Protein backbone atom coordinates (compact mmCIF):
# COMPACT_ATOMS: atom_id res chain seq x y z
CA MET A 1 55.88 314.37 3.54
CA ASP A 2 57.52 311.19 2.19
CA ILE A 3 57.56 309.73 -1.33
CA ARG A 4 54.91 307.17 -0.43
CA SER A 5 52.48 309.88 0.67
CA LEU A 6 53.21 311.94 -2.44
CA THR A 7 52.67 308.86 -4.61
CA LEU A 8 49.28 308.20 -3.03
CA PHE A 9 48.28 311.83 -3.51
CA GLN A 10 49.51 311.85 -7.13
CA HIS A 11 47.47 308.75 -7.96
CA LEU A 12 44.36 310.13 -6.25
CA ALA A 13 44.76 313.48 -8.00
CA ASN A 14 44.70 311.66 -11.34
CA THR A 15 41.84 309.24 -10.61
CA LEU A 16 39.79 311.58 -8.37
CA HIS A 17 38.40 308.39 -6.86
CA PHE A 18 39.36 307.13 -3.39
CA GLY A 19 38.24 303.56 -4.07
CA LYS A 20 40.24 303.19 -7.29
CA THR A 21 43.38 304.66 -5.76
CA ALA A 22 43.10 302.56 -2.61
CA ALA A 23 42.75 299.38 -4.69
CA ALA A 24 45.55 300.26 -7.13
CA CYS A 25 47.97 301.24 -4.35
CA HIS A 26 47.05 298.29 -2.12
CA VAL A 27 45.91 300.33 0.88
CA SER A 28 42.59 300.60 2.66
CA ALA A 29 40.32 303.57 1.99
CA SER A 30 40.76 304.72 5.59
CA THR A 31 44.57 304.57 5.29
CA LEU A 32 44.42 306.62 2.10
CA SER A 33 42.12 309.17 3.70
CA ARG A 34 44.40 309.53 6.75
CA SER A 35 47.43 310.00 4.47
CA ILE A 36 45.71 312.85 2.61
CA GLN A 37 44.60 314.43 5.90
CA ARG A 38 48.18 314.34 7.22
CA ILE A 39 49.45 316.12 4.11
CA GLU A 40 46.73 318.76 4.46
CA GLU A 41 47.67 319.25 8.12
CA GLN A 42 51.37 319.58 7.25
CA LEU A 43 50.68 322.15 4.54
CA GLY A 44 47.84 323.90 6.36
CA SER A 45 45.74 323.84 3.18
CA GLN A 46 42.76 321.97 1.84
CA LEU A 47 43.86 319.92 -1.16
CA LEU A 48 40.59 318.24 -2.11
CA ILE A 49 36.91 319.04 -2.10
CA ARG A 50 35.06 315.78 -1.61
CA ASP A 51 31.51 314.56 -1.10
CA ASN A 52 29.76 311.23 -1.54
CA ARG A 53 29.91 311.47 -5.32
CA SER A 54 32.97 313.38 -6.41
CA VAL A 55 36.51 314.52 -5.62
CA ILE A 56 37.81 317.85 -6.94
CA LEU A 57 41.32 319.30 -6.64
CA THR A 58 41.55 322.73 -5.04
CA PRO A 59 44.00 325.29 -6.49
CA GLU A 60 46.36 324.28 -3.65
CA GLY A 61 45.90 320.64 -4.62
CA LYS A 62 46.88 321.39 -8.20
CA LYS A 63 50.06 323.10 -6.99
CA LEU A 64 50.92 320.10 -4.84
CA LEU A 65 50.29 317.75 -7.79
CA ALA A 66 52.86 319.64 -9.88
CA TYR A 67 55.30 319.42 -6.95
CA ALA A 68 54.56 315.70 -6.47
CA ASP A 69 55.10 314.95 -10.18
CA HIS A 70 58.51 316.65 -10.03
CA GLN A 71 59.61 315.04 -6.75
CA ILE A 72 58.52 311.54 -7.77
CA GLU A 73 60.30 311.82 -11.11
CA GLN A 74 63.45 313.02 -9.34
CA TYR A 75 63.20 310.12 -6.88
CA LYS A 76 62.83 307.60 -9.70
CA SER A 77 65.83 309.10 -11.49
CA LEU A 78 67.93 308.88 -8.34
CA LYS A 79 66.85 305.31 -7.70
CA SER A 80 67.58 304.33 -11.30
CA SER A 81 71.02 305.96 -11.22
CA LEU A 82 71.86 304.06 -8.05
CA ASN A 83 70.61 300.84 -9.62
CA ALA A 84 72.75 301.52 -12.67
CA SER A 85 75.84 301.12 -10.52
CA GLN A 86 74.71 297.68 -9.42
CA GLN A 87 75.57 294.54 -11.37
CA GLU A 88 71.90 293.67 -11.86
CA LEU A 89 68.97 295.98 -12.50
CA SER A 90 66.23 296.07 -9.87
CA GLY A 91 63.08 298.07 -9.27
CA SER A 92 59.75 298.12 -11.04
CA LEU A 93 58.71 298.85 -14.62
CA ASN A 94 55.15 299.85 -15.50
CA ILE A 95 53.90 298.76 -18.94
CA TYR A 96 50.60 299.42 -20.72
CA CYS A 97 49.13 297.53 -23.68
CA SER A 98 45.90 296.11 -25.06
CA VAL A 99 44.64 292.67 -24.02
CA THR A 100 45.51 291.27 -27.45
CA ALA A 101 49.02 292.76 -27.37
CA SER A 102 49.55 291.21 -23.93
CA TYR A 103 49.55 287.73 -25.47
CA ALA A 104 50.34 288.40 -29.14
CA TYR A 105 53.38 290.68 -28.80
CA LEU A 106 54.42 291.14 -25.18
CA PRO A 107 55.41 287.58 -24.08
CA PRO A 108 58.64 287.30 -26.13
CA LEU A 109 59.64 290.82 -25.08
CA LEU A 110 59.07 290.00 -21.42
CA GLU A 111 60.86 286.69 -21.75
CA ASN A 112 64.00 288.36 -23.11
CA PHE A 113 63.91 291.08 -20.46
CA ARG A 114 63.25 288.71 -17.54
CA ARG A 115 66.09 286.48 -18.64
CA ALA A 116 68.48 289.46 -18.66
CA HIS A 117 67.09 291.25 -15.57
CA PRO A 118 65.27 288.80 -13.27
CA LYS A 119 65.14 291.20 -10.32
CA VAL A 120 62.97 293.80 -12.05
CA GLU A 121 59.29 293.72 -11.13
CA ILE A 122 56.89 294.12 -14.08
CA ASN A 123 53.55 295.88 -13.51
CA LEU A 124 51.21 295.39 -16.46
CA ASP A 125 48.09 297.47 -17.13
CA THR A 126 45.77 296.66 -20.04
CA GLY A 127 43.21 298.75 -21.89
CA ASP A 128 42.40 300.32 -25.23
CA ALA A 129 45.47 300.33 -27.51
CA ALA A 130 44.45 303.79 -28.74
CA ASP A 131 45.16 305.13 -25.24
CA GLY A 132 48.76 303.89 -25.07
CA ILE A 133 50.55 307.15 -25.90
CA ASP A 134 48.13 309.09 -23.68
CA GLN A 135 49.12 306.79 -20.78
CA ILE A 136 52.74 307.81 -21.39
CA LYS A 137 51.94 311.53 -21.60
CA ARG A 138 49.96 311.36 -18.35
CA GLN A 139 52.91 309.56 -16.72
CA LYS A 140 50.77 306.59 -15.78
CA VAL A 141 53.32 304.09 -17.10
CA ASP A 142 56.96 303.91 -18.18
CA LEU A 143 56.40 302.07 -21.46
CA ALA A 144 53.39 301.37 -23.66
CA ILE A 145 52.67 299.23 -26.70
CA ALA A 146 50.67 301.52 -28.98
CA ALA A 147 49.76 302.31 -32.57
CA ARG A 148 51.91 305.03 -34.08
CA PRO A 149 49.74 308.08 -34.75
CA ASP A 150 50.06 310.00 -38.01
CA GLU A 151 51.48 312.91 -35.99
CA LEU A 152 53.79 311.82 -33.18
CA SER A 153 54.77 314.27 -30.44
CA SER A 154 58.44 315.24 -30.52
CA SER A 155 58.69 314.30 -26.83
CA ILE A 156 57.76 310.65 -27.50
CA TYR A 157 60.19 307.90 -28.53
CA PHE A 158 58.63 305.14 -30.68
CA GLN A 159 60.25 301.82 -31.60
CA THR A 160 58.29 299.74 -34.12
CA ILE A 161 57.81 296.04 -33.29
CA ALA A 162 55.22 295.07 -35.93
CA GLN A 163 53.10 296.30 -38.82
CA VAL A 164 49.44 295.52 -38.21
CA PRO A 165 47.01 294.96 -41.13
CA LEU A 166 43.43 296.24 -40.80
CA SER A 167 40.29 294.62 -42.18
CA ILE A 168 36.57 295.24 -42.21
CA ILE A 169 34.88 292.36 -40.41
CA THR A 170 31.30 291.15 -40.85
CA PRO A 171 29.03 288.76 -38.94
CA THR A 172 28.43 285.20 -40.16
CA ILE A 173 25.24 284.62 -38.20
CA ASP A 174 21.87 284.99 -39.92
CA CYS A 175 21.02 288.64 -39.26
CA GLN A 176 19.89 291.79 -41.04
CA VAL A 177 23.47 293.03 -41.41
CA LYS A 178 24.49 289.85 -43.25
CA LYS A 179 21.43 290.06 -45.52
CA SER A 180 22.28 293.68 -46.37
CA LEU A 181 25.81 292.69 -47.34
CA LEU A 182 24.50 289.94 -49.65
CA SER A 183 22.37 292.33 -51.69
CA ASP A 184 23.48 293.26 -55.21
CA ALA A 185 23.95 296.91 -54.22
CA VAL A 186 25.08 297.32 -50.62
CA ASP A 187 23.81 300.58 -49.12
CA TRP A 188 26.91 301.48 -47.13
CA LYS A 189 25.45 304.77 -45.92
CA SER A 190 22.71 302.96 -43.98
CA LEU A 191 24.76 299.92 -42.93
CA PRO A 192 25.40 300.00 -39.14
CA ILE A 193 29.08 300.55 -38.44
CA ILE A 194 30.93 299.79 -35.20
CA LEU A 195 34.10 301.82 -34.69
CA PRO A 196 36.75 302.44 -32.04
CA GLU A 197 36.08 305.60 -30.04
CA HIS A 198 39.29 307.16 -31.34
CA GLY A 199 42.74 306.33 -32.57
CA VAL A 200 44.61 305.39 -35.73
CA ALA A 201 42.25 302.57 -36.81
CA ARG A 202 39.23 304.84 -36.71
CA LYS A 203 40.96 307.52 -38.79
CA ARG A 204 41.98 304.87 -41.34
CA PHE A 205 38.35 303.76 -41.67
CA GLU A 206 36.95 307.29 -41.99
CA ILE A 207 39.42 308.08 -44.79
CA TRP A 208 38.56 304.81 -46.59
CA PHE A 209 34.82 305.43 -46.26
CA ARG A 210 35.04 308.95 -47.69
CA GLN A 211 37.10 307.70 -50.62
CA MET A 212 34.91 304.68 -51.41
CA HIS A 213 31.40 305.73 -50.46
CA SER A 214 31.54 309.49 -49.79
CA GLY A 215 29.65 311.08 -46.93
CA ARG A 216 29.70 309.80 -43.38
CA PRO A 217 29.22 306.25 -42.11
CA ASN A 218 26.14 305.26 -40.09
CA VAL A 219 27.95 304.74 -36.77
CA TYR A 220 25.87 302.35 -34.67
CA ALA A 221 28.32 302.13 -31.75
CA GLN A 222 31.68 303.49 -30.62
CA VAL A 223 33.66 301.00 -28.58
CA SER A 224 36.60 301.35 -26.22
CA GLY A 225 38.83 298.37 -27.00
CA GLN A 226 39.10 296.38 -30.21
CA GLU A 227 38.27 293.09 -28.49
CA ALA A 228 34.78 294.33 -27.62
CA LEU A 229 34.29 295.62 -31.16
CA VAL A 230 34.88 292.15 -32.60
CA SER A 231 32.33 290.67 -30.20
CA MET A 232 29.68 293.21 -31.23
CA VAL A 233 30.21 292.40 -34.91
CA ALA A 234 30.00 288.67 -34.16
CA LEU A 235 26.63 289.26 -32.48
CA GLY A 236 25.30 290.91 -35.63
CA PHE A 237 25.11 294.52 -34.48
CA GLY A 238 27.00 295.80 -37.52
CA VAL A 239 30.27 295.68 -39.44
CA GLY A 240 33.49 297.07 -38.03
CA LEU A 241 37.15 297.75 -38.60
CA SER A 242 39.57 295.55 -36.68
CA PRO A 243 43.30 294.84 -36.63
CA ASN A 244 43.69 291.34 -38.10
CA VAL A 245 45.60 290.15 -35.04
CA VAL A 246 42.65 291.03 -32.78
CA ALA A 247 40.10 289.28 -34.99
CA ASP A 248 42.32 286.21 -35.49
CA ASN A 249 42.81 285.75 -31.75
CA SER A 250 39.23 286.50 -30.69
CA PRO A 251 37.23 283.74 -28.97
CA VAL A 252 34.40 284.57 -31.42
CA LYS A 253 36.58 284.44 -34.55
CA ASP A 254 34.39 281.66 -36.01
CA LEU A 255 31.43 284.07 -36.03
CA ILE A 256 33.06 286.73 -38.22
CA ASP A 257 34.32 287.05 -41.79
CA PHE A 258 36.79 289.43 -43.40
CA LEU A 259 35.30 291.60 -46.13
CA PRO A 260 37.43 291.06 -49.27
CA ASN A 261 38.97 293.75 -51.45
CA THR A 262 39.16 296.49 -48.83
CA LYS A 263 42.50 298.25 -49.08
CA ILE A 264 42.97 300.02 -45.77
CA PRO A 265 46.59 300.93 -44.88
CA PRO A 266 48.11 299.05 -41.93
CA PHE A 267 49.60 300.85 -38.95
CA ASP A 268 52.89 300.52 -37.09
CA LEU A 269 52.71 299.02 -33.61
CA GLY A 270 55.54 299.78 -31.25
CA LEU A 271 56.91 300.46 -27.81
CA CYS A 272 56.88 304.08 -26.77
CA CYS A 273 58.09 306.20 -23.87
CA PHE A 274 59.17 309.74 -23.12
CA LYS A 275 62.49 310.51 -24.83
CA ARG A 276 63.75 311.91 -21.55
CA ASN A 277 63.31 308.45 -20.00
CA LEU A 278 65.60 306.72 -22.49
CA LYS A 279 68.42 307.20 -19.99
CA ASP A 280 66.46 305.38 -17.30
CA PRO A 281 68.33 302.04 -16.91
CA LEU A 282 65.09 300.06 -16.62
CA VAL A 283 63.53 301.59 -19.74
CA ALA A 284 66.80 301.37 -21.68
CA GLY A 285 67.26 297.78 -20.50
CA PHE A 286 63.82 296.76 -21.75
CA LEU A 287 64.24 298.47 -25.13
CA SER A 288 67.67 296.87 -25.58
CA THR A 289 66.17 293.38 -25.40
CA ILE A 290 63.84 293.96 -28.39
CA PRO A 291 65.04 291.98 -31.42
CA THR A 292 66.02 294.16 -34.38
CA SER A 293 64.66 293.22 -37.80
C-alpha cells in the first residue's frame, strides 16, 4: 500500500464521490476504482459501501482514513525535512482563498515566493472565504487566506495581511428594493436581505441589525461566496453585506451603491495554517516572504 494509493483513498474518503476524486487527482474513474479494490484486497476488508448514488465509509474505512492521514502527514514531513537540506526548496504547496483574494491579495505574495523558490509548485483552490480555516482543519490545504474569526482555535496560526472594511450594498436599477430604500421611513424588517451562509461578515451584520433595528432581518437568500452575493444585489433581489474589496472589484460594480452611515466593524484578513506546520520548510518559506507592516 503506497503513498499514492493512500492519497487517493484519503481524497475519496473526504469527497465520497468517485468522479470528483478522479478529476482532482488526475486519474480515470476506473483507475481509482481499481486502486481502492487493491487496498481492500490487501487488507481483506470492505472500506466503502457504494451504489449509483452514494459512497459511505465502513467502520474499517474510517480506521484506514485515520491511518492514511497519519502516514501522509509523516511522508510530507520527511519529504520537507529532506528538501530543507537542499539549497532550493522544491515540492508542492496547496493554497485556498476566495476568487477576489486570488487577484486582490495573492499575486504579490506569490510573486515574492516564486522569486525566492522557483522550484515549488503552487496548487490553488478557490471558494468561499468563510471556509478558509475549515479547509485547514480538514487538511485539504497547507495555507489559506481567510477572515479571522472572533474565536480562533489555539491550533491555528494566523498572520494578518489586510484589514477589510464591510459595507451594506444596494441595487441601482429601478426595482422594488430601491423604491423601498427611497421611502421616508425604510421598513428594514421587511426589506429582503442577502447574506453569506456563515462566517465573520454574517455575524457582523446580525450584530449591527440587532443594534440598529432590533429583531431579525428578512433573509431573502443565503449565498456561498461574496462574489455571488454582489451579483444578486445588483440584480435587485435585495440588499446585502459585502467586503468593500469584493464590491469594488465586481464586474457588476456599476449596478450597486454603498449605503452611507453604516458603521460595521471591519475584519482582519490573513494567511493561516496549523501551528504544527510552521516548521514545514514550504509553509515557513511562504510566510517568510510576506511583507511586514
